[in-house]
Amino acid sequence: MINNPPIDELAEKVGSKYALCVVASKRARQLIDHAQNQGLTDLPNKNKPLSEAAQEIKDGKVTIAKF
């Protein structure tokens, strides 16, 4: 469960809690795949992938393409 940053704050950045779930899970999967391609079992900073994805969304490092 994501506690920091707050879910409501993240949902405002992406538009809804549903969109947050989709964006965060896709980014977490990308982080996992990237780490595995480098032969790692964990992320380099030892954070959980979903927590790292949430932090990236909060920091504005992840952009959401709206169609």
Protein backbone atom coordinates (compact mmCIF):
# COMPACT_ATOMS: atom_id res chain seq x y z
CA MET A 1 0.00 0.00 0.00
CA ILE A 2 1.25 3.44 -0.85
CA ASN A 3 1.33 5.76 2.17
CA ASN A 4 3.94 8.27 1.15
CA PRO A 5 3.26 10.18 -1.05
CA PRO A 6 -0.47 10.21 -0.26
CA ILE A 7 -2.71 8.46 -2.77
CA ASP A 8 -5.07 11.43 -3.08
CA GLU A 9 -2.17 13.72 -3.99
CA LEU A 10 -0.98 11.27 -6.67
CA ALA A 11 -4.50 10.79 -8.03
CA GLU A 12 -4.81 14.55 -8.56
CA LYS A 13 -1.62 14.50 -10.65
CA VAL A 14 -2.88 11.79 -13.01
CA GLY A 15 -6.60 12.53 -12.99
CA SER A 16 -8.18 9.70 -10.97
CA LYS A 17 -7.41 6.82 -8.67
CA TYR A 18 -8.06 4.40 -11.53
CA ALA A 19 -5.54 6.18 -13.76
CA LEU A 20 -3.07 6.20 -10.86
CA CYS A 21 -3.41 2.44 -10.50
CA VAL A 22 -2.78 1.89 -14.20
CA VAL A 23 0.15 4.31 -14.49
CA ALA A 24 1.86 3.19 -11.28
CA SER A 25 1.54 -0.50 -12.10
CA LYS A 26 2.89 -0.04 -15.63
CA ARG A 27 5.84 2.00 -14.36
CA ALA A 28 6.54 -0.54 -11.61
CA ARG A 29 6.59 -3.31 -14.25
CA GLN A 30 9.04 -1.26 -16.33
CA LEU A 31 11.31 -0.85 -13.31
CA ILE A 32 11.21 -4.59 -12.58
CA ASP A 33 11.93 -5.50 -16.20
CA HIS A 34 14.82 -3.04 -16.39
CA ALA A 35 16.38 -4.41 -13.21
CA GLN A 36 16.02 -7.99 -14.43
CA ASN A 37 17.60 -7.11 -17.78
CA GLN A 38 20.62 -5.85 -15.86
CA GLY A 39 20.81 -9.12 -13.91
CA LEU A 40 19.55 -7.62 -10.66
CA THR A 41 16.99 -9.20 -8.34
CA ASP A 42 16.05 -5.91 -6.62
CA LEU A 43 15.98 -2.28 -7.64
CA PRO A 44 19.34 -0.57 -7.15
CA ASN A 45 18.04 1.61 -4.27
CA LYS A 46 16.24 -1.35 -2.58
CA ASN A 47 12.84 0.38 -2.79
CA LYS A 48 9.80 -1.62 -3.77
CA PRO A 49 8.91 -1.06 -7.44
CA LEU A 50 5.46 0.36 -6.69
CA SER A 51 6.87 2.78 -4.10
CA GLU A 52 9.51 3.92 -6.58
CA ALA A 53 6.85 4.39 -9.27
CA ALA A 54 4.70 6.45 -6.88
CA GLN A 55 7.65 8.66 -5.99
CA GLU A 56 8.44 9.20 -9.68
CA ILE A 57 4.83 10.22 -10.32
CA LYS A 58 4.97 12.66 -7.41
CA ASP A 59 8.26 14.13 -8.65
CA GLY A 60 6.88 14.60 -12.17
CA LYS A 61 9.34 12.13 -13.71
CA VAL A 62 6.51 10.08 -15.20
CA THR A 63 4.33 11.75 -17.79
CA ILE A 64 0.87 10.57 -18.72
CA ALA A 65 -0.17 10.68 -22.35
CA LYS A 66 -3.89 11.40 -22.64
CA PHE A 67 -5.65 10.34 -25.80
